[in-house]
Every structure is written in structure tokens, then in C-alpha cells.
Amino acid sequence: MQYVKLGSTGLDVSRICLGCMSYGDPRRGAHEWSLDEDASQPFFRRAIEAGINFFDTANVYSDGSSEEITGRALAKYADRDEIVLATKVHGRMRPGPNGAGLSRKAIFAEIDASLRRLGTDYVDLYQIHRFDPDTPIEETLEALHDVVKAGKARYLGASSMHAWQFAKALYLADAHGWTRFATMQNHLNLIYREEEREMLPLCADQGIGVIPWSPLARGRLTRPWDATTARGETDQFGRMLYQESDRQIVDEVARIAADRSVPPAQIALAWVLRHPGVAAPIIGATKLGHLDDAIAALDLELTDDDVAQLEKPYTPHPVAGFK
């Protein structure tokens, strides 16, 4: 396993982060395709054995059950001081006017609820899952700073938003002496590259660790364009992210993979891993082979010609994934 500093922090993380949205009670929340506790155990064990020390979940995944499963699995297979555990806050967790968002009240309630489900005293990385336009950003930033000072989180991160929103948050944190965001979890893969325009240069300038979500485009880059999966058939959000012209890129990934005698997933992930500023892509795994491909991609070197051919068919996309 390879390790890297997370942005400009002193924290060492594996270059592969295991995303835990795939693990949760399928009877809870909207992820009917998620793996239950028994089915998820081999993935945590394999990840730990492979040297992965970075795990990402969120309070909303499977209505909190992802955090519960993740916490119990890591307590079983890992040393808490050796792993980097990340979760998120923003989405709706209960009915009522304060059951979602990034108000001081919501953040304080949700960090405690997440810690209970995870079975730990602190998380290493506490992230805002999206920008909350209904709460003053100053209120959110100060509340997050207080979470860190209370010892409930070690670092702070953000997720998909406009670059101007992220720049404002960084400026305000610096101006007030609050803990600034150390990471950006944004949407980046071969068929969605809009983050290259403003967000990635901003992160590079500010020393922010980039930990992309959906680096394989929700599996689109790993299989023929017309192939379907149980998740894909119910993934309304995913259908908004990609477009028919992306088929050309998927075909090119498959062609280069065949030439190199490796699975397409390795080609697509190797492209993300070589991207300047990317610390650790967040990969989902519902088959053990998914983990094996992600780890193998660390040692796969793409040529300049490979990269040119992979990037050539790209067409601009509408900005998506910020809500």
C-alpha cells in the first residue's frame, strides 16, 4: 500500500479510501442494494489486510446503519489509533425543522449521534456533505471549529460545492482563527471533469487534500455502457450525472484495458490517481475483486498517449452533484 500526506496536514492516509456507502441495512434508507453486516465483513477485513487505513461514511447512508456497521467492523479488525475514520453531516436524519442542514444545533446533535453509531470518541475527519445555503457559513464554521476543540474531530473537510463557496469558507476560517477545511471530497472521474476548471486549482493553491467520490463513475467506467446493475436501476441521482456522449470514453477505457490485459477499473482509477492534487480516491466495493482492482491500480502507469486517448472524447457536462 502507498501512503500520502492528506493535503497540507501531517496525517498519513492510504492512497485508496474505502467508501462505506455500500455497507448498510438494505431495509433502512434508500440504498436497497447495500450489503448487510454479515456480507460487508470480508471487505473491511480485506482492506485492513491490504494496508488501507482510510474509511469514509456518512450519517445519512442507510439511515445511520452504515456508520454502525463500519464502527463495529473497524473495532473488530483494526487498531483505532492506526485508522483514519471519516464521516459527514448535512442530510436529513429525522423529521422536523432541525433534522438536517448545517446549523449549530444540527451539527452538535449529529456529531454526537455519529460517534454513538461508530462506537468511538472521535472521528479523524468530519465533513460537511454539501453546502447549506440556508445557514450562515460563519455559523457552520464556528460550530465545526468547536467540534474540533471539543476533541470530537481531528480535521475538517468539505464536499461538492462551487469553488467560490469553498474559497469563502477558507477565507472566513482564516480571518476568524477557526479550524479550516483540510480536504475536499468532490466528484471527479474520466467522464465528469468539470472540477478541473476551478475547484482543483483552488485546492492545489490552498494545500487542500482532494479525495474524489465516484472515481469510477458509479461503475460506468468498469463495464459496457449499456450494461445494468441492481444499483444502477434504482440510482436516480446517478442518472443526472452522466450523458450519452460519455459512451465514447467508456469504450476507450475498455480498449486500453484490453491492450494492457487489465480490467477497465484499473485504467479508470489509474487516471484519477495520477491527477495532480488527488490524495486518495474513495472507492466503493461490493465484490472483493473491486478492492483488488483498486489496489492494483496504484502500480499501473499510464503513458502520455494513453492519457491523451482517454481524455480526447470528453465533452463539457452540466454542473451536477452539488445538492
C-alpha atoms as a PDB file:
ATOM      1  CA  MET A   1       0.000   0.000   0.000  1.00  0.00           C
ATOM      2  CA  GLN A   2       1.114   3.540  -0.721  1.00  0.00           C
ATOM      3  CA  TYR A   3       0.541   6.370   1.764  1.00  0.00           C
ATOM      4  CA  VAL A   4       0.416  10.130   1.321  1.00  0.00           C
ATOM      5  CA  LYS A   5       0.002  13.212   3.484  1.00  0.00           C
ATOM      6  CA  LEU A   6      -3.593  14.414   3.425  1.00  0.00           C
ATOM      7  CA  GLY A   7      -3.290  17.861   1.891  1.00  0.00           C
ATOM      8  CA  SER A   8      -1.082  20.118   3.963  1.00  0.00           C
ATOM      9  CA  THR A   9      -1.782  18.222   7.185  1.00  0.00           C
ATOM     10  CA  GLY A  10       0.601  15.805   8.870  1.00  0.00           C
ATOM     11  CA  LEU A  11      -1.923  12.979   8.565  1.00  0.00           C
ATOM     12  CA  ASP A  12      -0.864   9.890   6.606  1.00  0.00           C
ATOM     13  CA  VAL A  13      -3.584   8.112   4.647  1.00  0.00           C
ATOM     14  CA  SER A  14      -3.588   5.175   2.263  1.00  0.00           C
ATOM     15  CA  ARG A  15      -3.887   6.218  -1.374  1.00  0.00           C
ATOM     16  CA  ILE A  16      -7.107   4.218  -1.523  1.00  0.00           C
ATOM     17  CA  CYS A  17     -10.014   5.169   0.731  1.00  0.00           C
ATOM     18  CA  LEU A  18     -12.761   2.588   1.224  1.00  0.00           C
ATOM     19  CA  GLY A  19     -16.145   4.232   0.850  1.00  0.00           C
ATOM     20  CA  CYS A  20     -18.698   2.620   3.131  1.00  0.00           C
ATOM     21  CA  MET A  21     -21.955   3.709   1.491  1.00  0.00           C
ATOM     22  CA  SER A  22     -22.190   0.157   0.114  1.00  0.00           C
ATOM     23  CA  TYR A  23     -22.467  -1.273   3.637  1.00  0.00           C
ATOM     24  CA  GLY A  24     -25.731  -0.787   5.491  1.00  0.00           C
ATOM     25  CA  ASP A  25     -29.062  -2.335   6.325  1.00  0.00           C
ATOM     26  CA  PRO A  26     -30.901  -2.543   2.962  1.00  0.00           C
ATOM     27  CA  ARG A  27     -34.184  -2.151   4.837  1.00  0.00           C
ATOM     28  CA  ARG A  28     -33.170   1.302   6.037  1.00  0.00           C
ATOM     29  CA  GLY A  29     -32.834   4.351   3.840  1.00  0.00           C
ATOM     30  CA  ALA A  30     -32.768   4.475   0.050  1.00  0.00           C
ATOM     31  CA  HIS A  31     -29.929   2.031  -0.693  1.00  0.00           C
ATOM     32  CA  GLU A  32     -31.748  -1.227  -1.331  1.00  0.00           C
ATOM     33  CA  TRP A  33     -28.582  -2.602  -2.946  1.00  0.00           C
ATOM     34  CA  SER A  34     -26.369  -2.147   0.134  1.00  0.00           C
ATOM     35  CA  LEU A  35     -24.674  -5.138   1.772  1.00  0.00           C
ATOM     36  CA  ASP A  36     -25.819  -6.089   5.266  1.00  0.00           C
ATOM     37  CA  GLU A  37     -23.470  -6.538   8.195  1.00  0.00           C
ATOM     38  CA  ASP A  38     -22.529 -10.164   7.535  1.00  0.00           C
ATOM     39  CA  ALA A  39     -21.943  -9.583   3.828  1.00  0.00           C
ATOM     40  CA  SER A  40     -19.839  -6.480   4.466  1.00  0.00           C
ATOM     41  CA  GLN A  41     -17.359  -8.027   6.899  1.00  0.00           C
ATOM     42  CA  PRO A  42     -14.964  -9.520   4.299  1.00  0.00           C
ATOM     43  CA  PHE A  43     -14.464  -6.091   2.704  1.00  0.00           C
ATOM     44  CA  PHE A  44     -13.271  -4.469   5.902  1.00  0.00           C
ATOM     45  CA  ARG A  45     -11.022  -7.418   6.676  1.00  0.00           C
ATOM     46  CA  ARG A  46      -9.506  -7.441   3.182  1.00  0.00           C
ATOM     47  CA  ALA A  47      -8.987  -3.666   3.258  1.00  0.00           C
ATOM     48  CA  ILE A  48      -7.175  -3.764   6.585  1.00  0.00           C
ATOM     49  CA  GLU A  49      -5.030  -6.702   5.470  1.00  0.00           C
ATOM     50  CA  ALA A  50      -4.091  -4.768   2.316  1.00  0.00           C
ATOM     51  CA  GLY A  51      -2.927  -1.764   4.336  1.00  0.00           C
ATOM     52  CA  ILE A  52      -5.900   0.537   3.700  1.00  0.00           C
ATOM     53  CA  ASN A  53      -6.235   2.810   6.725  1.00  0.00           C
ATOM     54  CA  PHE A  54      -8.748   5.361   5.375  1.00  0.00           C
ATOM     55  CA  PHE A  55     -12.521   4.755   5.656  1.00  0.00           C
ATOM     56  CA  ASP A  56     -15.314   7.139   4.687  1.00  0.00           C
ATOM     57  CA  THR A  57     -19.004   7.006   5.599  1.00  0.00           C
ATOM     58  CA  ALA A  58     -21.841   9.453   6.367  1.00  0.00           C
ATOM     59  CA  ASN A  59     -24.693   9.772   8.797  1.00  0.00           C
ATOM     60  CA  VAL A  60     -27.300   9.509   6.028  1.00  0.00           C
ATOM     61  CA  TYR A  61     -26.007   6.296   4.462  1.00  0.00           C
ATOM     62  CA  SER A  62     -28.691   3.669   5.057  1.00  0.00           C
ATOM     63  CA  ASP A  63     -30.213   5.840   7.779  1.00  0.00           C
ATOM     64  CA  GLY A  64     -27.188   5.572  10.047  1.00  0.00           C
ATOM     65  CA  SER A  65     -26.669   1.831   9.708  1.00  0.00           C
ATOM     66  CA  SER A  66     -23.558   2.322   7.557  1.00  0.00           C
ATOM     67  CA  GLU A  67     -21.894   4.073  10.481  1.00  0.00           C
ATOM     68  CA  GLU A  68     -22.985   1.297  12.822  1.00  0.00           C
ATOM     69  CA  ILE A  69     -21.612  -1.465  10.579  1.00  0.00           C
ATOM     70  CA  THR A  70     -18.425   0.469   9.850  1.00  0.00           C
ATOM     71  CA  GLY A  71     -17.772   1.159  13.516  1.00  0.00           C
ATOM     72  CA  ARG A  72     -18.241  -2.441  14.585  1.00  0.00           C
ATOM     73  CA  ALA A  73     -16.156  -3.829  11.724  1.00  0.00           C
ATOM     74  CA  LEU A  74     -13.232  -1.494  12.355  1.00  0.00           C
ATOM     75  CA  ALA A  75     -13.336  -2.242  16.080  1.00  0.00           C
ATOM     76  CA  LYS A  76     -13.060  -5.915  15.168  1.00  0.00           C
ATOM     77  CA  TYR A  77     -10.340  -5.783  12.531  1.00  0.00           C
ATOM     78  CA  ALA A  78      -8.322  -2.620  13.156  1.00  0.00           C
ATOM     79  CA  ASP A  79      -6.449  -0.623  15.770  1.00  0.00           C
ATOM     80  CA  ARG A  80      -8.358   2.642  16.239  1.00  0.00           C
ATOM     81  CA  ASP A  81      -5.163   4.659  16.508  1.00  0.00           C
ATOM     82  CA  GLU A  82      -3.956   3.331  13.147  1.00  0.00           C
ATOM     83  CA  ILE A  83      -7.013   4.104  11.044  1.00  0.00           C
ATOM     84  CA  VAL A  84      -8.380   7.350   9.645  1.00  0.00           C
ATOM     85  CA  LEU A  85     -12.156   7.385  10.072  1.00  0.00           C
ATOM     86  CA  ALA A  86     -14.264   9.949   8.223  1.00  0.00           C
ATOM     87  CA  THR A  87     -17.968  10.731   8.285  1.00  0.00           C
ATOM     88  CA  LYS A  88     -20.252  13.525   7.110  1.00  0.00           C
ATOM     89  CA  VAL A  89     -23.094  15.784   8.202  1.00  0.00           C
ATOM     90  CA  HIS A  90     -25.782  17.701   6.298  1.00  0.00           C
ATOM     91  CA  GLY A  91     -28.519  15.345   5.081  1.00  0.00           C
ATOM     92  CA  ARG A  92     -31.860  14.764   6.776  1.00  0.00           C
ATOM     93  CA  MET A  93     -31.698  12.340   9.697  1.00  0.00           C
ATOM     94  CA  ARG A  94     -35.079  12.979  11.318  1.00  0.00           C
ATOM     95  CA  PRO A  95     -38.283  14.883  10.605  1.00  0.00           C
ATOM     96  CA  GLY A  96     -38.742  18.426  11.784  1.00  0.00           C
ATOM     97  CA  PRO A  97     -37.184  21.821  11.114  1.00  0.00           C
ATOM     98  CA  ASN A  98     -33.799  20.976  12.681  1.00  0.00           C
ATOM     99  CA  GLY A  99     -33.380  17.434  11.405  1.00  0.00           C
ATOM    100  CA  ALA A 100     -30.970  18.377   8.611  1.00  0.00           C
ATOM    101  CA  GLY A 101     -28.570  21.080   7.498  1.00  0.00           C
ATOM    102  CA  LEU A 102     -25.521  22.730   8.982  1.00  0.00           C
ATOM    103  CA  SER A 103     -26.860  24.887  11.796  1.00  0.00           C
ATOM    104  CA  ARG A 104     -25.016  24.865  15.103  1.00  0.00           C
ATOM    105  CA  LYS A 105     -27.860  22.828  16.602  1.00  0.00           C
ATOM    106  CA  ALA A 106     -27.801  20.251  13.807  1.00  0.00           C
ATOM    107  CA  ILE A 107     -24.018  19.860  13.837  1.00  0.00           C
ATOM    108  CA  PHE A 108     -23.812  19.404  17.594  1.00  0.00           C
ATOM    109  CA  ALA A 109     -26.616  16.840  17.569  1.00  0.00           C
ATOM    110  CA  GLU A 110     -25.283  14.924  14.591  1.00  0.00           C
ATOM    111  CA  ILE A 111     -21.649  14.635  15.667  1.00  0.00           C
ATOM    112  CA  ASP A 112     -22.765  13.012  18.906  1.00  0.00           C
ATOM    113  CA  ALA A 113     -25.155  10.693  17.079  1.00  0.00           C
ATOM    114  CA  SER A 114     -22.431   9.682  14.618  1.00  0.00           C
ATOM    115  CA  LEU A 115     -19.953   8.982  17.404  1.00  0.00           C
ATOM    116  CA  ARG A 116     -22.514   6.753  19.150  1.00  0.00           C
ATOM    117  CA  ARG A 117     -23.164   4.784  15.980  1.00  0.00           C
ATOM    118  CA  LEU A 118     -19.465   4.494  15.154  1.00  0.00           C
ATOM    119  CA  GLY A 119     -18.619   3.460  18.717  1.00  0.00           C
ATOM    120  CA  THR A 120     -15.743   5.911  19.041  1.00  0.00           C
ATOM    121  CA  ASP A 121     -14.868   9.076  20.950  1.00  0.00           C
ATOM    122  CA  TYR A 122     -13.767  10.989  17.859  1.00  0.00           C
ATOM    123  CA  VAL A 123     -13.627  10.927  14.082  1.00  0.00           C
ATOM    124  CA  ASP A 124     -10.458  11.807  12.261  1.00  0.00           C
ATOM    125  CA  LEU A 125     -12.219  13.741   9.500  1.00  0.00           C
ATOM    126  CA  TYR A 126     -15.613  15.413   9.893  1.00  0.00           C
ATOM    127  CA  GLN A 127     -17.018  16.672   6.607  1.00  0.00           C
ATOM    128  CA  ILE A 128     -19.933  18.797   5.524  1.00  0.00           C
ATOM    129  CA  HIS A 129     -21.715  16.641   2.962  1.00  0.00           C
ATOM    130  CA  ARG A 130     -22.923  19.627   0.937  1.00  0.00           C
ATOM    131  CA  PHE A 131     -23.111  23.428   1.243  1.00  0.00           C
ATOM    132  CA  ASP A 132     -26.105  24.677   3.236  1.00  0.00           C
ATOM    133  CA  PRO A 133     -27.469  27.892   1.662  1.00  0.00           C
ATOM    134  CA  ASP A 134     -29.996  28.277   4.488  1.00  0.00           C
ATOM    135  CA  THR A 135     -27.410  28.656   7.263  1.00  0.00           C
ATOM    136  CA  PRO A 136     -24.830  31.453   7.513  1.00  0.00           C
ATOM    137  CA  ILE A 137     -21.483  29.916   6.661  1.00  0.00           C
ATOM    138  CA  GLU A 138     -19.977  31.674   9.699  1.00  0.00           C
ATOM    139  CA  GLU A 139     -22.336  29.743  11.978  1.00  0.00           C
ATOM    140  CA  THR A 140     -21.362  26.453  10.371  1.00  0.00           C
ATOM    141  CA  LEU A 141     -17.631  27.154  10.500  1.00  0.00           C
ATOM    142  CA  GLU A 142     -17.629  28.212  14.138  1.00  0.00           C
ATOM    143  CA  ALA A 143     -19.679  25.174  15.137  1.00  0.00           C
ATOM    144  CA  LEU A 144     -17.270  22.865  13.302  1.00  0.00           C
ATOM    145  CA  HIS A 145     -14.330  24.612  14.976  1.00  0.00           C
ATOM    146  CA  ASP A 146     -15.940  23.957  18.360  1.00  0.00           C
ATOM    147  CA  VAL A 147     -16.380  20.272  17.448  1.00  0.00           C
ATOM    148  CA  VAL A 148     -12.631  20.078  16.825  1.00  0.00           C
ATOM    149  CA  LYS A 149     -11.782  21.946  20.031  1.00  0.00           C
ATOM    150  CA  ALA A 150     -14.055  19.578  21.974  1.00  0.00           C
ATOM    151  CA  GLY A 151     -11.911  16.676  20.748  1.00  0.00           C
ATOM    152  CA  LYS A 152     -14.707  15.083  18.723  1.00  0.00           C
ATOM    153  CA  ALA A 153     -12.956  15.549  15.368  1.00  0.00           C
ATOM    154  CA  ARG A 154      -9.307  15.888  14.395  1.00  0.00           C
ATOM    155  CA  TYR A 155      -9.715  17.528  10.966  1.00  0.00           C
ATOM    156  CA  LEU A 156     -12.492  19.093   8.912  1.00  0.00           C
ATOM    157  CA  GLY A 157     -13.469  18.532   5.310  1.00  0.00           C
ATOM    158  CA  ALA A 158     -16.000  19.703   2.747  1.00  0.00           C
ATOM    159  CA  SER A 159     -17.707  18.075  -0.204  1.00  0.00           C
ATOM    160  CA  SER A 160     -19.171  19.104  -3.556  1.00  0.00           C
ATOM    161  CA  MET A 161     -19.880  22.830  -3.865  1.00  0.00           C
ATOM    162  CA  HIS A 162     -18.947  25.775  -6.070  1.00  0.00           C
ATOM    163  CA  ALA A 163     -15.332  26.914  -5.867  1.00  0.00           C
ATOM    164  CA  TRP A 164     -16.392  30.419  -4.755  1.00  0.00           C
ATOM    165  CA  GLN A 165     -18.265  28.889  -1.812  1.00  0.00           C
ATOM    166  CA  PHE A 166     -15.238  26.881  -0.772  1.00  0.00           C
ATOM    167  CA  ALA A 167     -12.935  29.881  -1.181  1.00  0.00           C
ATOM    168  CA  LYS A 168     -15.251  31.957   1.020  1.00  0.00           C
ATOM    169  CA  ALA A 169     -15.229  29.260   3.704  1.00  0.00           C
ATOM    170  CA  LEU A 170     -11.434  29.075   3.704  1.00  0.00           C
ATOM    171  CA  TYR A 171     -11.126  32.857   3.877  1.00  0.00           C
ATOM    172  CA  LEU A 172     -13.569  33.181   6.777  1.00  0.00           C
ATOM    173  CA  ALA A 173     -11.910  30.385   8.743  1.00  0.00           C
ATOM    174  CA  ASP A 174      -8.540  32.103   8.382  1.00  0.00           C
ATOM    175  CA  ALA A 175      -9.982  35.523   9.216  1.00  0.00           C
ATOM    176  CA  HIS A 176     -11.606  34.290  12.442  1.00  0.00           C
ATOM    177  CA  GLY A 177      -8.929  31.828  13.536  1.00  0.00           C
ATOM    178  CA  TRP A 178     -11.255  28.860  13.100  1.00  0.00           C
ATOM    179  CA  THR A 179     -10.148  25.402  12.000  1.00  0.00           C
ATOM    180  CA  ARG A 180     -10.057  25.469   8.204  1.00  0.00           C
ATOM    181  CA  PHE A 181     -11.117  22.683   5.879  1.00  0.00           C
ATOM    182  CA  ALA A 182      -8.270  20.284   5.137  1.00  0.00           C
ATOM    183  CA  THR A 183      -9.987  18.241   2.424  1.00  0.00           C
ATOM    184  CA  MET A 184     -12.383  18.463  -0.492  1.00  0.00           C
ATOM    185  CA  GLN A 185     -14.453  15.408  -1.392  1.00  0.00           C
ATOM    186  CA  ASN A 186     -15.637  16.224  -4.880  1.00  0.00           C
ATOM    187  CA  HIS A 187     -16.869  14.461  -7.995  1.00  0.00           C
ATOM    188  CA  LEU A 188     -14.041  13.556 -10.365  1.00  0.00           C
ATOM    189  CA  ASN A 189     -13.588  10.822 -12.933  1.00  0.00           C
ATOM    190  CA  LEU A 190     -12.892  10.395 -16.651  1.00  0.00           C
ATOM    191  CA  ILE A 191     -16.469  11.250 -17.623  1.00  0.00           C
ATOM    192  CA  TYR A 192     -17.006  14.130 -15.186  1.00  0.00           C
ATOM    193  CA  ARG A 193     -14.096  16.579 -15.180  1.00  0.00           C
ATOM    194  CA  GLU A 194     -15.782  19.918 -14.510  1.00  0.00           C
ATOM    195  CA  GLU A 195     -13.858  20.190 -11.224  1.00  0.00           C
ATOM    196  CA  GLU A 196     -10.683  20.754 -13.231  1.00  0.00           C
ATOM    197  CA  ARG A 197     -11.859  24.258 -14.117  1.00  0.00           C
ATOM    198  CA  GLU A 198     -11.840  25.974 -10.709  1.00  0.00           C
ATOM    199  CA  MET A 199     -12.068  23.624  -7.728  1.00  0.00           C
ATOM    200  CA  LEU A 200      -8.909  21.601  -8.310  1.00  0.00           C
ATOM    201  CA  PRO A 201      -6.693  24.660  -8.945  1.00  0.00           C
ATOM    202  CA  LEU A 202      -8.117  26.233  -5.778  1.00  0.00           C
ATOM    203  CA  CYS A 203      -7.324  23.102  -3.778  1.00  0.00           C
ATOM    204  CA  ALA A 204      -3.795  22.972  -5.161  1.00  0.00           C
ATOM    205  CA  ASP A 205      -3.216  26.620  -4.258  1.00  0.00           C
ATOM    206  CA  GLN A 206      -4.578  26.205  -0.741  1.00  0.00           C
ATOM    207  CA  GLY A 207      -2.980  22.855   0.106  1.00  0.00           C
ATOM    208  CA  ILE A 208      -6.291  21.017   0.278  1.00  0.00           C
ATOM    209  CA  GLY A 209      -6.305  17.215   0.053  1.00  0.00           C
ATOM    210  CA  VAL A 210      -8.617  16.021  -2.728  1.00  0.00           C
ATOM    211  CA  ILE A 211     -10.477  12.768  -2.054  1.00  0.00           C
ATOM    212  CA  PRO A 212     -12.834  12.276  -5.016  1.00  0.00           C
ATOM    213  CA  TRP A 213     -16.121  10.438  -4.786  1.00  0.00           C
ATOM    214  CA  SER A 214     -17.284   8.166  -7.590  1.00  0.00           C
ATOM    215  CA  PRO A 215     -13.860   7.893  -9.276  1.00  0.00           C
ATOM    216  CA  LEU A 216     -15.281   5.079 -11.418  1.00  0.00           C
ATOM    217  CA  ALA A 217     -18.465   7.000 -12.278  1.00  0.00           C
ATOM    218  CA  ARG A 218     -20.685   4.723 -10.188  1.00  0.00           C
ATOM    219  CA  GLY A 219     -19.266   1.749 -12.055  1.00  0.00           C
ATOM    220  CA  ARG A 220     -19.931   3.182 -15.507  1.00  0.00           C
ATOM    221  CA  LEU A 221     -16.225   3.071 -16.341  1.00  0.00           C
ATOM    222  CA  THR A 222     -15.895  -0.596 -15.377  1.00  0.00           C
ATOM    223  CA  ARG A 223     -18.431  -2.186 -17.734  1.00  0.00           C
ATOM    224  CA  PRO A 224     -20.031  -1.755 -21.173  1.00  0.00           C
ATOM    225  CA  TRP A 225     -22.152   1.390 -21.424  1.00  0.00           C
ATOM    226  CA  ASP A 226     -25.449  -0.477 -21.830  1.00  0.00           C
ATOM    227  CA  ALA A 227     -24.839  -2.955 -19.007  1.00  0.00           C
ATOM    228  CA  THR A 228     -27.107  -2.581 -15.969  1.00  0.00           C
ATOM    229  CA  THR A 229     -26.738  -3.318 -12.282  1.00  0.00           C
ATOM    230  CA  ALA A 230     -29.133  -3.517  -9.351  1.00  0.00           C
ATOM    231  CA  ARG A 231     -27.803  -0.207  -8.072  1.00  0.00           C
ATOM    232  CA  GLY A 232     -27.932   1.461 -11.469  1.00  0.00           C
ATOM    233  CA  GLU A 233     -31.584   0.562 -11.952  1.00  0.00           C
ATOM    234  CA  THR A 234     -32.566   2.429  -8.771  1.00  0.00           C
ATOM    235  CA  ASP A 235     -29.944   5.200  -8.750  1.00  0.00           C
ATOM    236  CA  GLN A 236     -31.945   8.308  -9.662  1.00  0.00           C
ATOM    237  CA  PHE A 237     -29.127  10.604  -8.552  1.00  0.00           C
ATOM    238  CA  GLY A 238     -26.596   8.807 -10.735  1.00  0.00           C
ATOM    239  CA  ARG A 239     -28.741   9.263 -13.814  1.00  0.00           C
ATOM    240  CA  MET A 240     -28.332  13.018 -13.552  1.00  0.00           C
ATOM    241  CA  LEU A 241     -24.546  12.872 -13.602  1.00  0.00           C
ATOM    242  CA  TYR A 242     -23.640  11.422 -16.984  1.00  0.00           C
ATOM    243  CA  GLN A 243     -24.700  11.708 -20.612  1.00  0.00           C
ATOM    244  CA  GLU A 244     -24.846   9.603 -23.779  1.00  0.00           C
ATOM    245  CA  SER A 245     -21.647  11.098 -25.226  1.00  0.00           C
ATOM    246  CA  ASP A 246     -19.741   9.532 -22.315  1.00  0.00           C
ATOM    247  CA  ARG A 247     -20.097   6.186 -24.080  1.00  0.00           C
ATOM    248  CA  GLN A 248     -17.035   7.047 -26.190  1.00  0.00           C
ATOM    249  CA  ILE A 249     -14.843   7.380 -23.115  1.00  0.00           C
ATOM    250  CA  VAL A 250     -16.126   4.115 -21.655  1.00  0.00           C
ATOM    251  CA  ASP A 251     -15.272   2.399 -24.932  1.00  0.00           C
ATOM    252  CA  GLU A 252     -11.788   3.919 -24.913  1.00  0.00           C
ATOM    253  CA  VAL A 253     -11.186   2.720 -21.335  1.00  0.00           C
ATOM    254  CA  ALA A 254     -12.203  -0.789 -22.391  1.00  0.00           C
ATOM    255  CA  ARG A 255      -9.909  -0.671 -25.446  1.00  0.00           C
ATOM    256  CA  ILE A 256      -6.836   0.399 -23.476  1.00  0.00           C
ATOM    257  CA  ALA A 257      -7.640  -2.115 -20.740  1.00  0.00           C
ATOM    258  CA  ALA A 258      -7.763  -4.897 -23.321  1.00  0.00           C
ATOM    259  CA  ASP A 259      -4.441  -3.748 -24.786  1.00  0.00           C
ATOM    260  CA  ARG A 260      -2.878  -3.768 -21.316  1.00  0.00           C
ATOM    261  CA  SER A 261      -4.611  -7.044 -20.258  1.00  0.00           C
ATOM    262  CA  VAL A 262      -6.107  -5.469 -17.139  1.00  0.00           C
ATOM    263  CA  PRO A 263      -9.699  -4.783 -16.055  1.00  0.00           C
ATOM    264  CA  PRO A 264     -11.154  -1.408 -17.129  1.00  0.00           C
ATOM    265  CA  ALA A 265     -11.488  -0.354 -13.482  1.00  0.00           C
ATOM    266  CA  GLN A 266      -7.708  -0.280 -13.146  1.00  0.00           C
ATOM    267  CA  ILE A 267      -7.306   2.021 -16.144  1.00  0.00           C
ATOM    268  CA  ALA A 268     -10.012   4.438 -14.987  1.00  0.00           C
ATOM    269  CA  LEU A 269      -8.719   4.575 -11.424  1.00  0.00           C
ATOM    270  CA  ALA A 270      -5.095   4.945 -12.523  1.00  0.00           C
ATOM    271  CA  TRP A 271      -6.156   8.105 -14.380  1.00  0.00           C
ATOM    272  CA  VAL A 272      -7.666   9.576 -11.212  1.00  0.00           C
ATOM    273  CA  LEU A 273      -4.659   8.595  -9.104  1.00  0.00           C
ATOM    274  CA  ARG A 274      -2.213  10.387 -11.445  1.00  0.00           C
ATOM    275  CA  HIS A 275      -4.283  13.566 -11.325  1.00  0.00           C
ATOM    276  CA  PRO A 276      -2.360  16.379  -9.576  1.00  0.00           C
ATOM    277  CA  GLY A 277      -3.621  17.037  -6.071  1.00  0.00           C
ATOM    278  CA  VAL A 278      -5.596  13.831  -5.643  1.00  0.00           C
ATOM    279  CA  ALA A 279      -4.673  12.193  -2.363  1.00  0.00           C
ATOM    280  CA  ALA A 280      -6.991   9.186  -2.155  1.00  0.00           C
ATOM    281  CA  PRO A 281      -9.961   8.340  -4.373  1.00  0.00           C
ATOM    282  CA  ILE A 282     -12.915   6.930  -2.450  1.00  0.00           C
ATOM    283  CA  ILE A 283     -13.846   3.584  -3.957  1.00  0.00           C
ATOM    284  CA  GLY A 284     -16.963   1.532  -3.349  1.00  0.00           C
ATOM    285  CA  ALA A 285     -16.664  -2.245  -3.303  1.00  0.00           C
ATOM    286  CA  THR A 286     -19.454  -4.813  -3.383  1.00  0.00           C
ATOM    287  CA  LYS A 287     -17.226  -7.598  -4.722  1.00  0.00           C
ATOM    288  CA  LEU A 288     -13.793  -8.398  -3.346  1.00  0.00           C
ATOM    289  CA  GLY A 289     -12.409  -8.030  -6.851  1.00  0.00           C
ATOM    290  CA  HIS A 290     -13.323  -4.342  -6.719  1.00  0.00           C
ATOM    291  CA  LEU A 291     -10.853  -3.901  -3.862  1.00  0.00           C
ATOM    292  CA  ASP A 292      -8.203  -5.916  -5.667  1.00  0.00           C
ATOM    293  CA  ASP A 293      -8.557  -3.763  -8.797  1.00  0.00           C
ATOM    294  CA  ALA A 294      -8.274  -0.550  -6.777  1.00  0.00           C
ATOM    295  CA  ILE A 295      -5.094  -1.704  -5.085  1.00  0.00           C
ATOM    296  CA  ALA A 296      -3.589  -2.916  -8.366  1.00  0.00           C
ATOM    297  CA  ALA A 297      -4.292   0.483  -9.963  1.00  0.00           C
ATOM    298  CA  LEU A 298      -1.709   2.044  -7.633  1.00  0.00           C
ATOM    299  CA  ASP A 299       1.064   0.337  -9.597  1.00  0.00           C
ATOM    300  CA  LEU A 300      -0.397   0.871 -13.065  1.00  0.00           C
ATOM    301  CA  GLU A 301       1.425   3.530 -15.063  1.00  0.00           C
ATOM    302  CA  LEU A 302      -0.484   5.139 -17.915  1.00  0.00           C
ATOM    303  CA  THR A 303       1.533   6.501 -20.801  1.00  0.00           C
ATOM    304  CA  ASP A 304       1.076  10.035 -22.067  1.00  0.00           C
ATOM    305  CA  ASP A 305      -0.539   8.553 -25.160  1.00  0.00           C
ATOM    306  CA  ASP A 306      -2.954   6.516 -23.014  1.00  0.00           C
ATOM    307  CA  VAL A 307      -3.965   9.675 -21.181  1.00  0.00           C
ATOM    308  CA  ALA A 308      -4.413  11.653 -24.394  1.00  0.00           C
ATOM    309  CA  GLN A 309      -6.658   8.965 -25.845  1.00  0.00           C
ATOM    310  CA  LEU A 310      -8.702   8.682 -22.646  1.00  0.00           C
ATOM    311  CA  GLU A 311      -9.241  12.433 -22.383  1.00  0.00           C
ATOM    312  CA  LYS A 312      -9.819  13.240 -26.065  1.00  0.00           C
ATOM    313  CA  PRO A 313     -13.555  12.297 -26.272  1.00  0.00           C
ATOM    314  CA  TYR A 314     -14.565  14.380 -23.240  1.00  0.00           C
ATOM    315  CA  THR A 315     -17.338  16.923 -23.675  1.00  0.00           C
ATOM    316  CA  PRO A 316     -18.388  19.503 -21.069  1.00  0.00           C
ATOM    317  CA  HIS A 317     -21.095  18.458 -18.620  1.00  0.00           C
ATOM    318  CA  PRO A 318     -23.684  20.484 -16.737  1.00  0.00           C
ATOM    319  CA  VAL A 319     -22.502  21.047 -13.187  1.00  0.00           C
ATOM    320  CA  ALA A 320     -24.043  18.279 -11.081  1.00  0.00           C
ATOM    321  CA  GLY A 321     -23.833  16.776  -7.621  1.00  0.00           C
ATOM    322  CA  PHE A 322     -23.860  19.953  -5.537  1.00  0.00           C
ATOM    323  CA  LYS A 323     -27.267  19.330  -3.940  1.00  0.00           C
END
